[in-house]
Amino acid sequence: MNSFRVPTSLFPERIEDLFVNSLMLKQIGTSFKQSENQTWHLNYKSRDCAVKFYPDSFEKNASLQLMSFGNPVFEEMLSAIDSPQPTAKSQRPTVNSQQSTGTTGFDASDRVWYF
């Protein structure tokens, strides 16, 4: 049986950085605390677990969760990043050219995404 792998530029280091430093995840109460080299303590929706983003070191410790595609917690968190909750209009950043040029401004907040 042939196995097909989709090439990706999402290396474990990049996925780890995106999740651990995500403003969207922090805003919904997610926290990552580094506990050991490449191991994190994750608190997400009142769930506590030890996680890793690196498959090669994950296989050495079965008590950890691998944070990658296929993991239900990873997929749920990815969905939270992908479809952020709307914020109140007053909290949204705006680009208003009226301040400097006297012309009508526009609200660019719907085009701003934070990881």
N, C-alpha and C. Protein backbone atom coordinates (compact mmCIF):
# COMPACT_ATOMS: atom_id res chain seq x y z
N MET A 1 0.84 -1.17 0.00
CA MET A 1 0.00 0.00 0.00
C MET A 1 0.89 1.24 0.00
N ASN A 2 0.63 2.15 -0.91
CA ASN A 2 1.39 3.39 -0.99
C ASN A 2 0.85 4.38 0.03
N SER A 3 1.77 5.04 0.71
CA SER A 3 1.32 6.09 1.62
C SER A 3 1.67 7.43 1.00
N PHE A 4 0.75 8.34 1.11
CA PHE A 4 0.93 9.65 0.52
C PHE A 4 1.03 10.66 1.64
N ARG A 5 2.09 11.46 1.62
CA ARG A 5 2.27 12.49 2.63
C ARG A 5 2.17 13.85 1.96
N VAL A 6 1.37 14.69 2.52
CA VAL A 6 1.23 16.04 2.00
C VAL A 6 2.40 16.87 2.51
N PRO A 7 3.15 17.49 1.61
CA PRO A 7 4.25 18.34 2.08
C PRO A 7 3.70 19.54 2.84
N THR A 8 4.36 19.90 3.89
CA THR A 8 3.91 21.02 4.69
C THR A 8 5.09 21.80 5.23
N SER A 9 4.89 23.06 5.45
CA SER A 9 5.93 23.88 6.06
C SER A 9 5.65 24.06 7.55
N LEU A 10 4.68 23.32 8.07
CA LEU A 10 4.36 23.39 9.49
C LEU A 10 5.19 22.36 10.26
N PHE A 11 6.37 22.77 10.64
CA PHE A 11 7.23 21.92 11.43
C PHE A 11 6.81 22.02 12.89
N PRO A 12 7.17 21.04 13.70
CA PRO A 12 6.76 21.07 15.12
C PRO A 12 7.14 22.38 15.82
N GLU A 13 8.29 22.94 15.49
CA GLU A 13 8.71 24.20 16.12
C GLU A 13 7.72 25.32 15.81
N ARG A 14 7.25 25.36 14.59
CA ARG A 14 6.31 26.40 14.16
C ARG A 14 4.94 26.21 14.82
N ILE A 15 4.47 24.96 14.86
CA ILE A 15 3.18 24.67 15.50
C ILE A 15 3.26 25.02 16.99
N GLU A 16 4.34 24.64 17.63
CA GLU A 16 4.53 24.95 19.05
C GLU A 16 4.48 26.46 19.27
N ASP A 17 5.20 27.20 18.46
CA ASP A 17 5.23 28.66 18.59
C ASP A 17 3.84 29.27 18.38
N LEU A 18 3.12 28.80 17.36
CA LEU A 18 1.79 29.34 17.08
C LEU A 18 0.81 29.10 18.23
N PHE A 19 0.85 27.92 18.81
CA PHE A 19 -0.09 27.60 19.88
C PHE A 19 0.31 28.25 21.20
N VAL A 20 1.55 28.12 21.58
CA VAL A 20 2.01 28.63 22.87
C VAL A 20 1.89 30.14 22.96
N ASN A 21 2.08 30.84 21.84
CA ASN A 21 2.05 32.30 21.83
C ASN A 21 0.77 32.88 21.24
N SER A 22 -0.25 32.07 21.04
CA SER A 22 -1.49 32.52 20.41
C SER A 22 -2.28 33.45 21.32
N LEU A 23 -2.55 34.66 20.83
CA LEU A 23 -3.40 35.58 21.58
C LEU A 23 -4.83 35.08 21.66
N MET A 24 -5.31 34.46 20.58
CA MET A 24 -6.68 33.95 20.57
C MET A 24 -6.86 32.87 21.64
N LEU A 25 -5.92 31.96 21.76
CA LEU A 25 -6.03 30.91 22.77
C LEU A 25 -5.94 31.50 24.17
N LYS A 26 -5.08 32.48 24.36
CA LYS A 26 -4.97 33.13 25.67
C LYS A 26 -6.28 33.83 26.03
N GLN A 27 -6.93 34.45 25.05
CA GLN A 27 -8.18 35.16 25.30
C GLN A 27 -9.31 34.23 25.72
N ILE A 28 -9.26 32.97 25.33
CA ILE A 28 -10.30 32.03 25.76
C ILE A 28 -9.86 31.22 26.97
N GLY A 29 -8.76 31.65 27.63
CA GLY A 29 -8.35 31.05 28.89
C GLY A 29 -7.37 29.89 28.80
N THR A 30 -6.79 29.67 27.64
CA THR A 30 -5.82 28.59 27.47
C THR A 30 -4.47 29.04 28.00
N SER A 31 -3.78 28.15 28.72
CA SER A 31 -2.44 28.49 29.17
C SER A 31 -1.49 27.33 28.92
N PHE A 32 -0.29 27.68 28.54
CA PHE A 32 0.81 26.73 28.38
C PHE A 32 1.91 27.16 29.33
N LYS A 33 2.42 26.21 30.11
CA LYS A 33 3.56 26.48 30.98
C LYS A 33 4.60 25.41 30.70
N GLN A 34 5.80 25.87 30.37
CA GLN A 34 6.85 24.91 30.04
C GLN A 34 7.27 24.18 31.31
N SER A 35 7.28 22.85 31.24
CA SER A 35 7.65 22.07 32.41
C SER A 35 9.01 21.41 32.26
N GLU A 36 9.33 20.95 31.08
CA GLU A 36 10.64 20.35 30.79
C GLU A 36 11.00 20.73 29.36
N ASN A 37 12.16 20.32 28.93
CA ASN A 37 12.58 20.58 27.57
C ASN A 37 11.57 19.98 26.59
N GLN A 38 10.92 20.84 25.81
CA GLN A 38 9.94 20.47 24.80
C GLN A 38 8.66 19.86 25.38
N THR A 39 8.42 20.00 26.66
CA THR A 39 7.20 19.51 27.29
C THR A 39 6.47 20.69 27.93
N TRP A 40 5.18 20.73 27.72
CA TRP A 40 4.36 21.83 28.23
C TRP A 40 3.22 21.28 29.08
N HIS A 41 2.83 22.06 30.09
CA HIS A 41 1.62 21.78 30.86
C HIS A 41 0.53 22.64 30.24
N LEU A 42 -0.51 22.00 29.73
CA LEU A 42 -1.61 22.69 29.05
C LEU A 42 -2.84 22.71 29.95
N ASN A 43 -3.45 23.90 30.08
CA ASN A 43 -4.75 24.03 30.71
C ASN A 43 -5.67 24.61 29.66
N TYR A 44 -6.67 23.81 29.26
CA TYR A 44 -7.60 24.23 28.22
C TYR A 44 -8.99 23.75 28.60
N LYS A 45 -9.91 24.69 28.77
CA LYS A 45 -11.29 24.37 29.15
C LYS A 45 -11.34 23.44 30.36
N SER A 46 -10.65 23.79 31.39
CA SER A 46 -10.59 23.03 32.65
C SER A 46 -9.95 21.66 32.49
N ARG A 47 -9.26 21.42 31.39
CA ARG A 47 -8.52 20.17 31.20
C ARG A 47 -7.05 20.45 31.42
N ASP A 48 -6.41 19.63 32.23
CA ASP A 48 -4.98 19.74 32.45
C ASP A 48 -4.30 18.51 31.89
N CYS A 49 -3.25 18.73 31.11
CA CYS A 49 -2.49 17.60 30.59
C CYS A 49 -1.09 18.05 30.20
N ALA A 50 -0.20 17.09 30.10
CA ALA A 50 1.16 17.33 29.63
C ALA A 50 1.18 17.06 28.13
N VAL A 51 1.76 17.99 27.38
CA VAL A 51 1.77 17.88 25.92
C VAL A 51 3.16 18.12 25.35
N LYS A 52 3.33 17.59 24.15
CA LYS A 52 4.54 17.83 23.35
C LYS A 52 4.12 18.12 21.94
N PHE A 53 4.97 18.82 21.22
CA PHE A 53 4.72 19.14 19.82
C PHE A 53 5.66 18.36 18.90
N TYR A 54 6.58 17.61 19.46
CA TYR A 54 7.61 16.91 18.70
C TYR A 54 7.38 15.41 18.70
N PRO A 55 7.04 14.83 17.55
CA PRO A 55 6.72 13.39 17.50
C PRO A 55 7.88 12.49 17.89
N ASP A 56 9.11 12.87 17.57
CA ASP A 56 10.25 12.01 17.88
C ASP A 56 10.47 11.84 19.38
N SER A 57 10.28 12.89 20.16
CA SER A 57 10.45 12.77 21.62
C SER A 57 9.17 12.32 22.30
N PHE A 58 8.02 12.46 21.63
CA PHE A 58 6.73 12.04 22.18
C PHE A 58 6.68 10.53 22.37
N GLU A 59 7.23 9.78 21.43
CA GLU A 59 7.16 8.32 21.47
C GLU A 59 7.85 7.73 22.68
N LYS A 60 8.72 8.49 23.31
CA LYS A 60 9.46 8.00 24.48
C LYS A 60 8.64 8.07 25.76
N ASN A 61 7.54 8.80 25.75
CA ASN A 61 6.75 8.98 26.96
C ASN A 61 5.26 8.90 26.61
N ALA A 62 4.65 7.78 26.90
CA ALA A 62 3.25 7.54 26.53
C ALA A 62 2.26 8.35 27.37
N SER A 63 2.69 8.96 28.48
CA SER A 63 1.76 9.73 29.30
C SER A 63 1.51 11.13 28.74
N LEU A 64 2.23 11.51 27.71
CA LEU A 64 2.06 12.82 27.08
C LEU A 64 1.10 12.77 25.91
N GLN A 65 0.49 13.89 25.60
CA GLN A 65 -0.33 14.01 24.40
C GLN A 65 0.51 14.70 23.33
N LEU A 66 0.45 14.19 22.13
CA LEU A 66 1.13 14.82 21.01
C LEU A 66 0.20 15.87 20.42
N MET A 67 0.62 17.12 20.44
CA MET A 67 -0.18 18.21 19.89
C MET A 67 0.11 18.31 18.39
N SER A 68 -0.71 17.62 17.63
CA SER A 68 -0.57 17.60 16.18
C SER A 68 -1.91 17.23 15.57
N PHE A 69 -1.96 17.27 14.25
CA PHE A 69 -3.18 16.92 13.54
C PHE A 69 -3.62 15.51 13.90
N GLY A 70 -4.90 15.35 14.19
CA GLY A 70 -5.44 14.06 14.60
C GLY A 70 -5.76 14.00 16.09
N ASN A 71 -5.11 14.84 16.89
CA ASN A 71 -5.39 14.91 18.32
C ASN A 71 -6.63 15.78 18.49
N PRO A 72 -7.70 15.26 19.15
CA PRO A 72 -8.95 16.02 19.29
C PRO A 72 -8.78 17.37 19.99
N VAL A 73 -7.92 17.44 21.00
CA VAL A 73 -7.70 18.71 21.70
C VAL A 73 -7.01 19.70 20.76
N PHE A 74 -6.02 19.23 20.03
CA PHE A 74 -5.31 20.07 19.05
C PHE A 74 -6.30 20.60 18.01
N GLU A 75 -7.13 19.71 17.48
CA GLU A 75 -8.10 20.10 16.44
C GLU A 75 -9.10 21.13 16.98
N GLU A 76 -9.55 20.94 18.22
CA GLU A 76 -10.50 21.88 18.83
C GLU A 76 -9.86 23.25 19.03
N MET A 77 -8.61 23.25 19.49
CA MET A 77 -7.90 24.51 19.69
C MET A 77 -7.62 25.20 18.35
N LEU A 78 -7.31 24.42 17.34
CA LEU A 78 -7.08 24.96 16.01
C LEU A 78 -8.35 25.62 15.48
N SER A 79 -9.49 25.00 15.74
CA SER A 79 -10.78 25.58 15.34
C SER A 79 -11.03 26.90 16.06
N ALA A 80 -10.64 26.96 17.33
CA ALA A 80 -10.82 28.20 18.09
C ALA A 80 -9.97 29.33 17.51
N ILE A 81 -8.79 29.00 17.03
CA ILE A 81 -7.92 30.00 16.41
C ILE A 81 -8.49 30.40 15.06
N ASP A 82 -8.99 29.43 14.32
CA ASP A 82 -9.46 29.65 12.96
C ASP A 82 -10.76 30.45 12.91
N SER A 83 -11.61 30.31 13.92
CA SER A 83 -12.88 31.05 13.93
C SER A 83 -12.99 31.82 15.24
N PRO A 84 -12.30 32.95 15.32
CA PRO A 84 -12.28 33.72 16.57
C PRO A 84 -13.65 34.28 16.92
N GLN A 85 -13.86 34.45 18.21
CA GLN A 85 -15.10 35.03 18.71
C GLN A 85 -15.11 36.52 18.39
N PRO A 86 -16.25 37.06 17.96
CA PRO A 86 -16.32 38.49 17.68
C PRO A 86 -16.12 39.30 18.95
N THR A 87 -15.48 40.44 18.81
CA THR A 87 -15.27 41.32 19.95
C THR A 87 -16.24 42.49 19.84
N ALA A 88 -16.42 43.18 20.94
CA ALA A 88 -17.29 44.35 20.94
C ALA A 88 -16.72 45.40 20.00
N LYS A 89 -17.57 46.13 19.33
CA LYS A 89 -17.15 47.13 18.35
C LYS A 89 -16.19 48.13 18.97
N SER A 90 -16.41 48.48 20.22
CA SER A 90 -15.55 49.48 20.87
C SER A 90 -14.14 48.95 21.13
N GLN A 91 -13.96 47.62 21.16
CA GLN A 91 -12.65 47.04 21.41
C GLN A 91 -11.87 46.79 20.13
N ARG A 92 -12.52 46.91 18.99
CA ARG A 92 -11.87 46.60 17.73
C ARG A 92 -10.92 47.72 17.31
N PRO A 93 -9.75 47.35 16.79
CA PRO A 93 -8.87 48.39 16.26
C PRO A 93 -9.46 48.93 14.96
N THR A 94 -9.34 50.21 14.75
CA THR A 94 -9.85 50.80 13.52
C THR A 94 -8.75 51.59 12.83
N VAL A 95 -8.89 51.70 11.54
CA VAL A 95 -8.01 52.55 10.75
C VAL A 95 -8.87 53.71 10.30
N ASN A 96 -8.55 54.88 10.76
CA ASN A 96 -9.38 56.04 10.46
C ASN A 96 -8.52 57.12 9.84
N SER A 97 -8.64 57.27 8.54
CA SER A 97 -7.84 58.27 7.85
C SER A 97 -8.36 59.69 8.10
N GLN A 98 -9.53 59.81 8.72
CA GLN A 98 -10.11 61.12 9.00
C GLN A 98 -9.22 61.90 9.96
N GLN A 99 -8.52 61.22 10.83
CA GLN A 99 -7.67 61.89 11.80
C GLN A 99 -6.57 62.69 11.13
N SER A 100 -6.01 62.17 10.04
CA SER A 100 -4.88 62.86 9.43
C SER A 100 -5.24 63.59 8.15
N THR A 101 -6.26 63.13 7.41
CA THR A 101 -6.54 63.73 6.12
C THR A 101 -7.91 64.37 6.03
N GLY A 102 -8.78 64.15 6.98
CA GLY A 102 -10.11 64.70 6.93
C GLY A 102 -11.07 63.91 6.05
N THR A 103 -10.66 62.75 5.54
CA THR A 103 -11.53 61.92 4.74
C THR A 103 -12.17 60.86 5.60
N THR A 104 -13.13 60.15 5.04
CA THR A 104 -13.85 59.12 5.78
C THR A 104 -12.94 57.93 6.06
N GLY A 105 -12.98 57.42 7.28
CA GLY A 105 -12.18 56.27 7.64
C GLY A 105 -12.92 54.98 7.38
N PHE A 106 -12.29 53.85 7.65
CA PHE A 106 -12.95 52.56 7.51
C PHE A 106 -12.52 51.66 8.65
N ASP A 107 -13.36 50.70 8.95
CA ASP A 107 -13.11 49.75 10.03
C ASP A 107 -12.43 48.52 9.45
N ALA A 108 -11.17 48.33 9.79
CA ALA A 108 -10.40 47.20 9.24
C ALA A 108 -10.36 46.03 10.21
N SER A 109 -11.11 46.07 11.30
CA SER A 109 -11.00 45.04 12.32
C SER A 109 -11.41 43.66 11.84
N ASP A 110 -12.30 43.58 10.86
CA ASP A 110 -12.71 42.27 10.35
C ASP A 110 -11.61 41.62 9.53
N ARG A 111 -10.59 42.36 9.22
CA ARG A 111 -9.50 41.82 8.40
C ARG A 111 -8.26 41.52 9.22
N VAL A 112 -8.32 41.71 10.53
CA VAL A 112 -7.17 41.49 11.40
C VAL A 112 -7.33 40.16 12.12
N TRP A 113 -6.36 39.30 11.98
CA TRP A 113 -6.37 38.00 12.64
C TRP A 113 -5.14 37.88 13.51
N TYR A 114 -5.31 37.38 14.71
CA TYR A 114 -4.21 37.21 15.64
C TYR A 114 -4.00 35.73 15.92
N PHE A 115 -2.78 35.29 15.91
CA PHE A 115 -2.43 33.92 16.32
C PHE A 115 -1.89 33.95 17.69
